[in-house]
Amino acid sequence: MLGHIERYRPRGRFAAWLFTIAHRLCLDHLERRRPDAGEAPVEPASAEPGPEREAFSAVARERLERALADLPERQREVFFLREYGGLSFAEIADALDCPLSTALARMRYAVLKLRKDLEGFDA
């Protein structure tokens, strides 16, 4: 990562450049490490007390994780960069090296698919 700092050109937000580097490093990491089929994800502890709430939170989290995992990879990338990374669509298009219209379309289809997959689920 430190070897890339001299390549930074201040034509956009530093965060967008940093997310691009992080995105590529994550893809490289995932290529090297394929999880086993039986490997369970680590779940954070619930902030809400009570077994009913914990059970509901686990079900909701599992359903959301499944819906996100079911998104096509390119739609999931755009969704995470926008929703969790806070990047603009122009920054996402630049980070993923695709046209702005493609980034917008991927987000639209991701949201439509998530709505459909989570329909009828009250979290």
Protein backbone atom coordinates (compact mmCIF):
# COMPACT_ATOMS: atom_id res chain seq x y z
CA MET A 1 0.00 0.00 0.00
CA LEU A 2 2.74 2.45 0.90
CA GLY A 3 4.36 1.80 -2.46
CA HIS A 4 1.26 3.24 -4.16
CA ILE A 5 1.24 6.65 -2.45
CA GLU A 6 3.58 8.21 -5.01
CA ARG A 7 1.09 7.25 -7.76
CA TYR A 8 -1.73 9.28 -6.19
CA ARG A 9 -2.92 12.12 -8.43
CA PRO A 10 -5.11 14.67 -6.61
CA ARG A 11 -7.76 14.86 -9.34
CA GLY A 12 -10.44 13.35 -7.11
CA ARG A 13 -11.13 12.57 -3.51
CA PHE A 14 -8.39 10.78 -1.63
CA ALA A 15 -11.01 8.37 -0.23
CA ALA A 16 -11.97 7.23 -3.73
CA TRP A 17 -8.34 6.50 -4.57
CA LEU A 18 -7.92 4.66 -1.28
CA PHE A 19 -11.07 2.60 -1.86
CA THR A 20 -9.78 1.62 -5.29
CA ILE A 21 -6.57 0.30 -3.74
CA ALA A 22 -8.48 -1.46 -0.95
CA HIS A 23 -10.91 -2.96 -3.47
CA ARG A 24 -8.11 -4.44 -5.53
CA LEU A 25 -6.28 -5.73 -2.45
CA CYS A 26 -9.48 -7.43 -1.26
CA LEU A 27 -10.00 -9.05 -4.65
CA ASP A 28 -6.41 -10.31 -4.57
CA HIS A 29 -6.92 -11.66 -1.04
CA LEU A 30 -10.14 -13.43 -2.01
CA GLU A 31 -8.44 -15.02 -4.98
CA ARG A 32 -5.75 -16.45 -2.70
CA ARG A 33 -8.16 -17.61 0.02
CA ARG A 34 -11.27 -19.52 -0.96
CA PRO A 35 -13.38 -20.29 2.14
CA ASP A 36 -14.29 -23.89 2.87
CA ALA A 37 -17.94 -24.83 2.42
CA GLY A 38 -18.28 -25.61 6.14
CA GLU A 39 -16.59 -22.44 7.34
CA ALA A 40 -18.99 -20.29 9.36
CA PRO A 41 -18.76 -16.47 9.22
CA VAL A 42 -17.85 -14.66 12.42
CA GLU A 43 -20.88 -12.80 13.74
CA PRO A 44 -20.59 -9.72 15.96
CA ALA A 45 -22.26 -9.78 19.36
CA SER A 46 -25.76 -8.32 19.53
CA ALA A 47 -26.08 -4.91 21.17
CA GLU A 48 -29.66 -5.68 22.20
CA PRO A 49 -30.28 -7.75 25.33
CA GLY A 50 -32.72 -10.64 25.41
CA PRO A 51 -32.84 -13.98 23.61
CA GLU A 52 -35.82 -13.05 21.39
CA ARG A 53 -34.09 -9.98 20.04
CA GLU A 54 -30.84 -11.87 19.56
CA ALA A 55 -32.62 -14.62 17.64
CA PHE A 56 -34.43 -12.10 15.45
CA SER A 57 -31.21 -10.15 14.85
CA ALA A 58 -29.41 -13.32 13.79
CA VAL A 59 -32.21 -14.24 11.38
CA ALA A 60 -32.33 -10.71 9.94
CA ARG A 61 -28.55 -10.54 9.59
CA GLU A 62 -28.44 -13.96 7.92
CA ARG A 63 -31.20 -13.02 5.50
CA LEU A 64 -29.51 -9.73 4.59
CA GLU A 65 -26.11 -11.39 4.19
CA ARG A 66 -27.68 -14.03 1.93
CA ALA A 67 -29.43 -11.35 -0.16
CA LEU A 68 -26.18 -9.39 -0.52
CA ALA A 69 -24.24 -12.56 -1.37
CA ASP A 70 -26.82 -13.41 -4.05
CA LEU A 71 -26.17 -10.14 -5.87
CA PRO A 72 -23.97 -10.45 -8.93
CA GLU A 73 -20.41 -9.46 -7.99
CA ARG A 74 -20.36 -6.22 -9.99
CA GLN A 75 -23.66 -5.06 -8.49
CA ARG A 76 -22.45 -5.95 -4.99
CA GLU A 77 -19.24 -3.94 -5.52
CA VAL A 78 -21.16 -0.82 -6.51
CA PHE A 79 -23.64 -1.27 -3.66
CA PHE A 80 -20.90 -1.57 -1.01
CA LEU A 81 -18.84 1.31 -2.37
CA ARG A 82 -21.93 3.55 -2.38
CA GLU A 83 -23.65 2.47 0.84
CA TYR A 84 -20.69 1.62 3.05
CA GLY A 85 -17.93 3.57 1.37
CA GLY A 86 -19.92 6.75 0.80
CA LEU A 87 -18.45 7.26 -2.67
CA SER A 88 -20.26 9.20 -5.36
CA PHE A 89 -21.26 7.34 -8.50
CA ALA A 90 -18.59 9.21 -10.45
CA GLU A 91 -15.97 8.03 -7.95
CA ILE A 92 -17.31 4.48 -8.12
CA ALA A 93 -17.16 4.53 -11.92
CA ASP A 94 -13.58 5.77 -11.74
CA ALA A 95 -12.60 3.18 -9.10
CA LEU A 96 -14.13 0.30 -11.08
CA ASP A 97 -12.98 1.69 -14.44
CA CYS A 98 -16.46 1.67 -15.98
CA PRO A 99 -18.76 4.34 -17.45
CA LEU A 100 -20.90 6.35 -15.01
CA SER A 101 -24.07 4.97 -16.62
CA THR A 102 -22.86 1.43 -15.91
CA ALA A 103 -22.24 2.19 -12.23
CA LEU A 104 -25.71 3.74 -11.96
CA ALA A 105 -27.34 0.78 -13.69
CA ARG A 106 -25.53 -1.73 -11.46
CA MET A 107 -26.77 0.10 -8.35
CA ARG A 108 -30.32 0.23 -9.69
CA TYR A 109 -30.39 -3.50 -10.41
CA ALA A 110 -28.78 -4.26 -7.03
CA VAL A 111 -31.45 -2.28 -5.17
CA LEU A 112 -34.27 -3.86 -7.18
CA LYS A 113 -32.93 -7.36 -6.49
CA LEU A 114 -32.47 -6.64 -2.77
CA ARG A 115 -36.03 -5.29 -2.53
CA LYS A 116 -37.34 -8.42 -4.18
CA ASP A 117 -35.23 -10.79 -2.06
CA LEU A 118 -36.16 -9.02 1.20
CA GLU A 119 -39.82 -8.46 0.32
CA GLY A 120 -42.16 -9.29 3.17
CA PHE A 121 -39.38 -9.39 5.76
CA ASP A 122 -39.89 -6.93 8.61
CA ALA A 123 -36.59 -6.24 10.30
